[in-house]
Amino acid sequence: MKKSLPIVGLEDAQTILITCSDKNGLPPSNELKRLEPFAFITTHGAQIASPEDDLDAIDSLMMVLNGAPRVEHIVLCLHSGCSYMRLPDCYDFLIKRGRNAIFPLHEVLKEQVAFLKNGVQARFKDDDKCPAVHGWLYEPEIDWVSFLDDETGLLLPLSANPELAV
């Protein structure tokens, strides 16, 4: 089934969704509705930090945020079964960061969300305008979305607490 996404100009988006470019990387439409109005960025594996230069990834995101003055949330969404996570470049990236190449996806999500939070917060001079960063894990095999709970560091069902999800 083809997913229909609302078309919103970057200047009107309140949420930026960073997701994988795999065909199964985009969460279900009913979950995406909670993000509206949103704009999305797709990359291989939803990776926002490249092995070559971590700063370039955050600087690129900041350029997007400069064109999106209403953004209040950034959601990084990884998914299970990601073909990119099996490629040598991704393994090299994890190893360069001191991680085992066989690394659980929820741990990759935690690390990427922490990297994104630190990078975005370091570039915002006004904390009131700094977007909140959230992590989601989509499992297309069972059509399930979890969110990374900031307090516990655990993945919880998105439906369990929508206020915390975004």
N, C-alpha and C. Protein backbone atom coordinates (compact mmCIF):
# COMPACT_ATOMS: atom_id res chain seq x y z
N MET A 1 0.83 -1.17 0.00
CA MET A 1 0.00 0.00 0.00
C MET A 1 0.89 1.24 0.00
N LYS A 2 0.63 2.16 -0.89
CA LYS A 2 1.38 3.39 -1.00
C LYS A 2 0.93 4.36 0.09
N LYS A 3 1.91 5.00 0.74
CA LYS A 3 1.59 5.95 1.80
C LYS A 3 1.43 7.34 1.20
N SER A 4 0.38 8.01 1.62
CA SER A 4 0.13 9.37 1.17
C SER A 4 0.59 10.32 2.27
N LEU A 5 1.50 11.23 1.92
CA LEU A 5 2.02 12.16 2.89
C LEU A 5 1.52 13.57 2.60
N PRO A 6 1.22 14.33 3.66
CA PRO A 6 0.78 15.70 3.43
C PRO A 6 1.95 16.52 2.89
N ILE A 7 1.66 17.43 1.99
CA ILE A 7 2.69 18.29 1.43
C ILE A 7 2.68 19.60 2.20
N VAL A 8 3.80 19.89 2.86
CA VAL A 8 3.92 21.08 3.67
C VAL A 8 5.23 21.76 3.31
N GLY A 9 5.20 23.06 3.16
CA GLY A 9 6.42 23.81 2.92
C GLY A 9 7.29 23.80 4.18
N LEU A 10 8.58 23.83 3.99
CA LEU A 10 9.52 23.79 5.11
C LEU A 10 9.24 24.91 6.11
N GLU A 11 8.84 26.06 5.60
CA GLU A 11 8.57 27.21 6.48
C GLU A 11 7.37 26.98 7.38
N ASP A 12 6.49 26.02 7.04
CA ASP A 12 5.31 25.72 7.86
C ASP A 12 5.47 24.50 8.75
N ALA A 13 6.53 23.75 8.57
CA ALA A 13 6.72 22.51 9.33
C ALA A 13 6.99 22.79 10.81
N GLN A 14 6.36 22.00 11.67
CA GLN A 14 6.63 22.07 13.11
C GLN A 14 7.50 20.90 13.56
N THR A 15 7.62 19.90 12.70
CA THR A 15 8.44 18.73 13.00
C THR A 15 9.27 18.37 11.78
N ILE A 16 10.52 17.99 12.02
CA ILE A 16 11.38 17.43 10.98
C ILE A 16 11.54 15.96 11.31
N LEU A 17 11.18 15.10 10.39
CA LEU A 17 11.33 13.65 10.54
C LEU A 17 12.54 13.22 9.71
N ILE A 18 13.50 12.60 10.36
CA ILE A 18 14.66 12.05 9.66
C ILE A 18 14.47 10.54 9.64
N THR A 19 14.34 10.00 8.44
CA THR A 19 14.02 8.58 8.31
C THR A 19 14.87 7.94 7.22
N CYS A 20 14.81 6.63 7.14
CA CYS A 20 15.60 5.87 6.18
C CYS A 20 14.98 5.94 4.79
N SER A 21 15.84 5.87 3.80
CA SER A 21 15.36 5.91 2.42
C SER A 21 14.92 4.53 1.91
N ASP A 22 15.08 3.48 2.73
CA ASP A 22 14.55 2.16 2.37
C ASP A 22 13.05 2.25 2.15
N LYS A 23 12.53 1.34 1.32
CA LYS A 23 11.08 1.35 1.07
C LYS A 23 10.28 1.09 2.34
N ASN A 24 10.85 0.41 3.33
CA ASN A 24 10.15 0.13 4.59
C ASN A 24 10.54 1.10 5.70
N GLY A 25 11.21 2.18 5.37
CA GLY A 25 11.73 3.08 6.39
C GLY A 25 10.74 4.07 6.96
N LEU A 26 9.62 4.28 6.30
CA LEU A 26 8.67 5.29 6.73
C LEU A 26 7.58 4.66 7.59
N PRO A 27 7.37 5.17 8.80
CA PRO A 27 6.33 4.62 9.68
C PRO A 27 4.93 4.75 9.07
N PRO A 28 3.96 4.04 9.64
CA PRO A 28 2.58 4.07 9.12
C PRO A 28 1.98 5.48 9.17
N SER A 29 1.08 5.74 8.24
CA SER A 29 0.44 7.06 8.12
C SER A 29 -0.24 7.50 9.41
N ASN A 30 -0.88 6.56 10.11
CA ASN A 30 -1.58 6.94 11.34
C ASN A 30 -0.60 7.46 12.40
N GLU A 31 0.63 6.97 12.41
CA GLU A 31 1.64 7.46 13.35
C GLU A 31 2.22 8.78 12.89
N LEU A 32 2.32 8.96 11.57
CA LEU A 32 2.87 10.20 11.04
C LEU A 32 1.93 11.39 11.28
N LYS A 33 0.64 11.12 11.41
CA LYS A 33 -0.33 12.20 11.63
C LYS A 33 -0.01 13.00 12.88
N ARG A 34 0.54 12.34 13.90
CA ARG A 34 0.84 13.05 15.15
C ARG A 34 1.96 14.07 14.97
N LEU A 35 2.70 13.99 13.86
CA LEU A 35 3.80 14.91 13.60
C LEU A 35 3.39 16.14 12.80
N GLU A 36 2.20 16.13 12.24
CA GLU A 36 1.78 17.19 11.32
C GLU A 36 1.72 18.55 12.00
N PRO A 37 2.06 19.60 11.27
CA PRO A 37 2.66 19.59 9.94
C PRO A 37 4.15 19.26 10.04
N PHE A 38 4.61 18.39 9.14
CA PHE A 38 6.01 17.97 9.20
C PHE A 38 6.65 17.94 7.82
N ALA A 39 7.96 18.01 7.85
CA ALA A 39 8.77 17.82 6.65
C ALA A 39 9.68 16.65 6.96
N PHE A 40 10.13 15.94 5.94
CA PHE A 40 11.00 14.82 6.24
C PHE A 40 12.25 14.81 5.38
N ILE A 41 13.29 14.22 5.96
CA ILE A 41 14.58 14.05 5.31
C ILE A 41 14.84 12.56 5.29
N THR A 42 15.20 12.03 4.13
CA THR A 42 15.54 10.60 4.07
C THR A 42 17.02 10.46 3.75
N THR A 43 17.66 9.54 4.48
CA THR A 43 19.07 9.20 4.24
C THR A 43 19.19 7.69 4.37
N HIS A 44 20.29 7.15 3.91
CA HIS A 44 20.53 5.71 4.08
C HIS A 44 20.66 5.40 5.57
N GLY A 45 19.76 4.56 6.05
CA GLY A 45 19.81 4.16 7.46
C GLY A 45 19.42 5.26 8.42
N ALA A 46 18.87 6.36 7.92
CA ALA A 46 18.52 7.53 8.74
C ALA A 46 19.74 8.02 9.52
N GLN A 47 20.91 7.79 8.98
CA GLN A 47 22.14 8.19 9.67
C GLN A 47 22.38 9.67 9.50
N ILE A 48 22.51 10.35 10.62
CA ILE A 48 22.74 11.79 10.58
C ILE A 48 24.20 12.11 10.82
N ALA A 49 24.97 11.14 11.21
CA ALA A 49 26.41 11.35 11.41
C ALA A 49 27.16 10.46 10.43
N SER A 50 27.99 11.08 9.64
CA SER A 50 28.76 10.30 8.67
C SER A 50 30.08 9.89 9.29
N PRO A 51 30.67 8.79 8.85
CA PRO A 51 31.96 8.37 9.39
C PRO A 51 33.06 9.39 9.09
N GLU A 52 32.92 10.14 8.01
CA GLU A 52 33.97 11.06 7.61
C GLU A 52 34.00 12.31 8.47
N ASP A 53 32.86 12.94 8.66
CA ASP A 53 32.85 14.22 9.34
C ASP A 53 31.52 14.43 10.05
N ASP A 54 31.50 14.18 11.36
CA ASP A 54 30.28 14.31 12.14
C ASP A 54 29.70 15.72 12.07
N LEU A 55 30.56 16.73 12.05
CA LEU A 55 30.08 18.11 12.09
C LEU A 55 29.29 18.48 10.84
N ASP A 56 29.68 17.94 9.69
CA ASP A 56 28.97 18.26 8.46
C ASP A 56 27.50 17.88 8.53
N ALA A 57 27.21 16.75 9.18
CA ALA A 57 25.82 16.29 9.28
C ALA A 57 24.98 17.27 10.09
N ILE A 58 25.49 17.73 11.22
CA ILE A 58 24.75 18.69 12.04
C ILE A 58 24.65 20.03 11.34
N ASP A 59 25.74 20.48 10.70
CA ASP A 59 25.70 21.75 9.98
C ASP A 59 24.66 21.70 8.85
N SER A 60 24.57 20.58 8.17
CA SER A 60 23.57 20.44 7.11
C SER A 60 22.16 20.51 7.68
N LEU A 61 21.94 19.87 8.81
CA LEU A 61 20.64 19.92 9.47
C LEU A 61 20.33 21.35 9.92
N MET A 62 21.32 22.06 10.40
CA MET A 62 21.10 23.44 10.83
C MET A 62 20.70 24.32 9.65
N MET A 63 21.24 24.05 8.46
CA MET A 63 20.82 24.80 7.27
C MET A 63 19.34 24.56 6.98
N VAL A 64 18.89 23.31 7.16
CA VAL A 64 17.47 22.99 6.98
C VAL A 64 16.65 23.73 8.04
N LEU A 65 17.10 23.70 9.28
CA LEU A 65 16.36 24.36 10.36
C LEU A 65 16.28 25.87 10.17
N ASN A 66 17.30 26.47 9.54
CA ASN A 66 17.26 27.90 9.26
C ASN A 66 16.10 28.26 8.34
N GLY A 67 15.72 27.33 7.47
CA GLY A 67 14.59 27.55 6.57
C GLY A 67 13.27 27.09 7.16
N ALA A 68 13.31 26.61 8.40
CA ALA A 68 12.12 26.08 9.05
C ALA A 68 11.98 26.71 10.45
N PRO A 69 11.57 27.98 10.50
CA PRO A 69 11.57 28.71 11.78
C PRO A 69 10.56 28.21 12.81
N ARG A 70 9.58 27.41 12.39
CA ARG A 70 8.54 26.94 13.31
C ARG A 70 8.81 25.56 13.89
N VAL A 71 9.91 24.95 13.53
CA VAL A 71 10.18 23.58 13.97
C VAL A 71 10.37 23.53 15.49
N GLU A 72 9.60 22.68 16.12
CA GLU A 72 9.67 22.46 17.56
C GLU A 72 10.23 21.08 17.91
N HIS A 73 10.17 20.15 16.95
CA HIS A 73 10.59 18.78 17.21
C HIS A 73 11.39 18.23 16.03
N ILE A 74 12.38 17.43 16.36
CA ILE A 74 13.11 16.64 15.37
C ILE A 74 12.95 15.19 15.79
N VAL A 75 12.47 14.35 14.87
CA VAL A 75 12.28 12.93 15.17
C VAL A 75 13.21 12.13 14.28
N LEU A 76 14.10 11.37 14.90
CA LEU A 76 14.98 10.46 14.19
C LEU A 76 14.35 9.08 14.25
N CYS A 77 14.02 8.51 13.09
CA CYS A 77 13.31 7.23 13.05
C CYS A 77 14.14 6.18 12.31
N LEU A 78 14.64 5.20 13.05
CA LEU A 78 15.30 4.04 12.45
C LEU A 78 14.26 2.95 12.26
N HIS A 79 14.62 1.92 11.49
CA HIS A 79 13.68 0.80 11.32
C HIS A 79 14.43 -0.52 11.30
N SER A 80 13.73 -1.56 11.73
CA SER A 80 14.31 -2.89 11.72
C SER A 80 14.39 -3.40 10.29
N GLY A 81 15.30 -4.30 10.06
CA GLY A 81 15.48 -4.88 8.73
C GLY A 81 16.12 -3.92 7.74
N CYS A 82 16.79 -2.91 8.24
CA CYS A 82 17.39 -1.89 7.39
C CYS A 82 18.56 -2.47 6.59
N SER A 83 18.47 -2.37 5.28
CA SER A 83 19.54 -2.92 4.44
C SER A 83 20.83 -2.11 4.58
N TYR A 84 20.73 -0.83 4.88
CA TYR A 84 21.92 -0.01 5.04
C TYR A 84 22.76 -0.46 6.23
N MET A 85 22.09 -0.88 7.31
CA MET A 85 22.81 -1.28 8.52
C MET A 85 23.70 -2.51 8.28
N ARG A 86 23.47 -3.20 7.19
CA ARG A 86 24.28 -4.39 6.88
C ARG A 86 25.48 -4.07 6.00
N LEU A 87 25.59 -2.84 5.53
CA LEU A 87 26.68 -2.47 4.63
C LEU A 87 27.97 -2.18 5.40
N PRO A 88 29.11 -2.43 4.78
CA PRO A 88 30.39 -2.20 5.45
C PRO A 88 30.58 -0.76 5.94
N ASP A 89 30.07 0.23 5.21
CA ASP A 89 30.23 1.62 5.64
C ASP A 89 29.60 1.85 7.01
N CYS A 90 28.45 1.26 7.24
CA CYS A 90 27.78 1.44 8.52
C CYS A 90 28.57 0.74 9.63
N TYR A 91 29.06 -0.46 9.35
CA TYR A 91 29.89 -1.16 10.33
C TYR A 91 31.14 -0.35 10.65
N ASP A 92 31.78 0.19 9.63
CA ASP A 92 32.98 1.00 9.84
C ASP A 92 32.67 2.20 10.72
N PHE A 93 31.50 2.82 10.48
CA PHE A 93 31.08 3.96 11.27
C PHE A 93 30.94 3.58 12.74
N LEU A 94 30.30 2.45 13.01
CA LEU A 94 30.12 2.02 14.40
C LEU A 94 31.45 1.68 15.06
N ILE A 95 32.32 1.03 14.32
CA ILE A 95 33.63 0.66 14.86
C ILE A 95 34.45 1.91 15.17
N LYS A 96 34.40 2.92 14.29
CA LYS A 96 35.12 4.18 14.54
C LYS A 96 34.64 4.86 15.81
N ARG A 97 33.42 4.61 16.18
CA ARG A 97 32.88 5.19 17.41
C ARG A 97 33.04 4.25 18.60
N GLY A 98 33.90 3.22 18.44
CA GLY A 98 34.20 2.31 19.54
C GLY A 98 33.13 1.27 19.78
N ARG A 99 32.35 0.94 18.77
CA ARG A 99 31.26 -0.02 18.93
C ARG A 99 31.55 -1.30 18.15
N ASN A 100 30.95 -2.35 18.63
CA ASN A 100 31.01 -3.63 17.95
C ASN A 100 30.17 -3.52 16.67
N ALA A 101 30.60 -4.18 15.62
CA ALA A 101 29.86 -4.13 14.36
C ALA A 101 28.49 -4.81 14.49
N ILE A 102 28.36 -5.76 15.41
CA ILE A 102 27.06 -6.39 15.66
C ILE A 102 26.45 -5.61 16.82
N PHE A 103 25.78 -4.53 16.50
CA PHE A 103 25.32 -3.57 17.49
C PHE A 103 23.80 -3.51 17.47
N PRO A 104 23.13 -3.69 18.61
CA PRO A 104 21.66 -3.66 18.61
C PRO A 104 21.12 -2.33 18.10
N LEU A 105 20.06 -2.40 17.33
CA LEU A 105 19.49 -1.21 16.69
C LEU A 105 19.05 -0.17 17.71
N HIS A 106 18.51 -0.61 18.84
CA HIS A 106 18.08 0.38 19.84
C HIS A 106 19.27 1.14 20.42
N GLU A 107 20.44 0.51 20.46
CA GLU A 107 21.64 1.19 20.93
C GLU A 107 22.13 2.19 19.89
N VAL A 108 22.01 1.83 18.62
CA VAL A 108 22.35 2.77 17.55
C VAL A 108 21.43 3.98 17.65
N LEU A 109 20.14 3.75 17.88
CA LEU A 109 19.18 4.84 18.01
C LEU A 109 19.57 5.75 19.18
N LYS A 110 19.87 5.17 20.33
CA LYS A 110 20.26 5.97 21.50
C LYS A 110 21.47 6.84 21.19
N GLU A 111 22.47 6.25 20.55
CA GLU A 111 23.69 6.99 20.24
C GLU A 111 23.42 8.11 19.24
N GLN A 112 22.64 7.81 18.20
CA GLN A 112 22.34 8.83 17.19
C GLN A 112 21.50 9.97 17.77
N VAL A 113 20.54 9.66 18.63
CA VAL A 113 19.71 10.69 19.25
C VAL A 113 20.58 11.57 20.16
N ALA A 114 21.47 10.96 20.94
CA ALA A 114 22.36 11.73 21.81
C ALA A 114 23.27 12.64 20.97
N PHE A 115 23.81 12.11 19.89
CA PHE A 115 24.66 12.90 18.99
C PHE A 115 23.88 14.09 18.43
N LEU A 116 22.66 13.82 17.98
CA LEU A 116 21.82 14.86 17.39
C LEU A 116 21.45 15.93 18.43
N LYS A 117 21.05 15.49 19.63
CA LYS A 117 20.70 16.44 20.69
C LYS A 117 21.88 17.35 21.02
N ASN A 118 23.04 16.75 21.23
CA ASN A 118 24.22 17.53 21.59
C ASN A 118 24.59 18.52 20.48
N GLY A 119 24.56 18.05 19.24
CA GLY A 119 24.93 18.90 18.12
C GLY A 119 23.97 20.06 17.90
N VAL A 120 22.67 19.79 18.01
CA VAL A 120 21.67 20.84 17.79
C VAL A 120 21.71 21.83 18.96
N GLN A 121 21.77 21.33 20.19
CA GLN A 121 21.79 22.22 21.36
C GLN A 121 23.03 23.11 21.36
N ALA A 122 24.15 22.59 20.90
CA ALA A 122 25.39 23.39 20.87
C ALA A 122 25.30 24.54 19.88
N ARG A 123 24.43 24.44 18.89
CA ARG A 123 24.34 25.47 17.86
C ARG A 123 23.21 26.47 18.07
N PHE A 124 22.35 26.18 19.06
CA PHE A 124 21.26 27.12 19.35
C PHE A 124 21.68 28.02 20.49
N LYS A 125 21.63 29.32 20.25
CA LYS A 125 21.99 30.28 21.29
C LYS A 125 20.82 30.50 22.25
N ASP A 126 19.62 30.36 21.73
CA ASP A 126 18.41 30.57 22.53
C ASP A 126 17.77 29.21 22.81
N ASP A 127 17.87 28.74 24.05
CA ASP A 127 17.34 27.43 24.41
C ASP A 127 15.84 27.31 24.16
N ASP A 128 15.12 28.44 24.23
CA ASP A 128 13.67 28.41 24.02
C ASP A 128 13.31 28.00 22.59
N LYS A 129 14.20 28.28 21.64
CA LYS A 129 13.91 27.97 20.24
C LYS A 129 14.55 26.66 19.79
N CYS A 130 15.30 26.01 20.66
CA CYS A 130 15.96 24.76 20.30
C CYS A 130 14.92 23.63 20.21
N PRO A 131 14.84 22.99 19.05
CA PRO A 131 13.86 21.90 18.91
C PRO A 131 14.18 20.72 19.83
N ALA A 132 13.14 20.08 20.32
CA ALA A 132 13.31 18.85 21.10
C ALA A 132 13.64 17.71 20.13
N VAL A 133 14.53 16.83 20.54
CA VAL A 133 14.94 15.70 19.69
C VAL A 133 14.36 14.41 20.27
N HIS A 134 13.76 13.60 19.40
CA HIS A 134 13.12 12.35 19.81
C HIS A 134 13.64 11.21 18.95
N GLY A 135 13.62 10.02 19.49
CA GLY A 135 14.00 8.82 18.73
C GLY A 135 12.83 7.87 18.61
N TRP A 136 12.61 7.38 17.39
CA TRP A 136 11.59 6.36 17.13
C TRP A 136 12.25 5.16 16.50
N LEU A 137 11.68 3.99 16.76
CA LEU A 137 12.09 2.76 16.09
C LEU A 137 10.85 2.13 15.47
N TYR A 138 10.88 1.99 14.16
CA TYR A 138 9.76 1.41 13.43
C TYR A 138 10.11 -0.02 13.05
N GLU A 139 9.18 -0.93 13.33
CA GLU A 139 9.35 -2.34 12.97
C GLU A 139 8.29 -2.69 11.93
N PRO A 140 8.65 -2.58 10.64
CA PRO A 140 7.65 -2.79 9.58
C PRO A 140 7.10 -4.22 9.54
N GLU A 141 7.87 -5.18 10.05
CA GLU A 141 7.42 -6.57 10.04
C GLU A 141 6.14 -6.75 10.85
N ILE A 142 5.98 -5.95 11.90
CA ILE A 142 4.80 -6.05 12.75
C ILE A 142 4.02 -4.73 12.80
N ASP A 143 4.44 -3.75 11.97
CA ASP A 143 3.78 -2.45 11.87
C ASP A 143 3.69 -1.78 13.24
N TRP A 144 4.83 -1.67 13.91
CA TRP A 144 4.90 -1.20 15.29
C TRP A 144 5.91 -0.07 15.39
N VAL A 145 5.56 1.00 16.13
CA VAL A 145 6.48 2.11 16.36
C VAL A 145 6.67 2.27 17.87
N SER A 146 7.95 2.35 18.26
CA SER A 146 8.30 2.62 19.65
C SER A 146 9.03 3.96 19.71
N PHE A 147 9.03 4.57 20.89
CA PHE A 147 9.80 5.80 21.05
C PHE A 147 10.82 5.60 22.16
N LEU A 148 11.91 6.33 22.07
CA LEU A 148 12.97 6.27 23.06
C LEU A 148 12.60 7.22 24.20
N ASP A 149 12.34 6.64 25.37
CA ASP A 149 11.96 7.42 26.53
C ASP A 149 13.20 8.07 27.14
N ASP A 150 13.18 9.40 27.24
CA ASP A 150 14.34 10.13 27.76
C ASP A 150 14.69 9.77 29.19
N GLU A 151 13.69 9.54 30.01
CA GLU A 151 13.93 9.27 31.44
C GLU A 151 14.53 7.90 31.69
N THR A 152 14.04 6.89 31.01
CA THR A 152 14.47 5.52 31.28
C THR A 152 15.48 4.99 30.27
N GLY A 153 15.53 5.60 29.08
CA GLY A 153 16.41 5.09 28.02
C GLY A 153 15.85 3.83 27.37
N LEU A 154 14.58 3.53 27.66
CA LEU A 154 13.94 2.34 27.10
C LEU A 154 13.07 2.70 25.90
N LEU A 155 12.85 1.72 25.04
CA LEU A 155 11.89 1.87 23.95
C LEU A 155 10.52 1.49 24.48
N LEU A 156 9.57 2.41 24.33
CA LEU A 156 8.20 2.18 24.79
C LEU A 156 7.26 2.32 23.61
N PRO A 157 6.09 1.66 23.68
CA PRO A 157 5.14 1.79 22.58
C PRO A 157 4.71 3.24 22.39
N LEU A 158 4.71 3.68 21.15
CA LEU A 158 4.34 5.06 20.85
C LEU A 158 2.93 5.36 21.35
N SER A 159 2.06 4.37 21.31
CA SER A 159 0.68 4.57 21.75
C SER A 159 0.57 4.68 23.27
N ALA A 160 1.59 4.27 24.01
CA ALA A 160 1.52 4.26 25.48
C ALA A 160 1.49 5.67 26.06
N ASN A 161 2.19 6.59 25.45
CA ASN A 161 2.25 7.95 25.99
C ASN A 161 2.50 8.94 24.87
N PRO A 162 1.48 9.29 24.13
CA PRO A 162 1.67 10.18 22.98
C PRO A 162 2.28 11.54 23.33
N GLU A 163 2.06 12.02 24.55
CA GLU A 163 2.64 13.31 24.94
C GLU A 163 4.16 13.24 24.96
N LEU A 164 4.72 12.12 25.38
CA LEU A 164 6.17 11.97 25.42
C LEU A 164 6.75 11.65 24.05
N ALA A 165 5.93 11.12 23.17
CA ALA A 165 6.44 10.70 21.87
C ALA A 165 6.83 11.91 21.02
N VAL A 166 6.07 12.94 21.04
CA VAL A 166 6.38 14.23 20.39
C VAL A 166 5.49 15.27 21.03
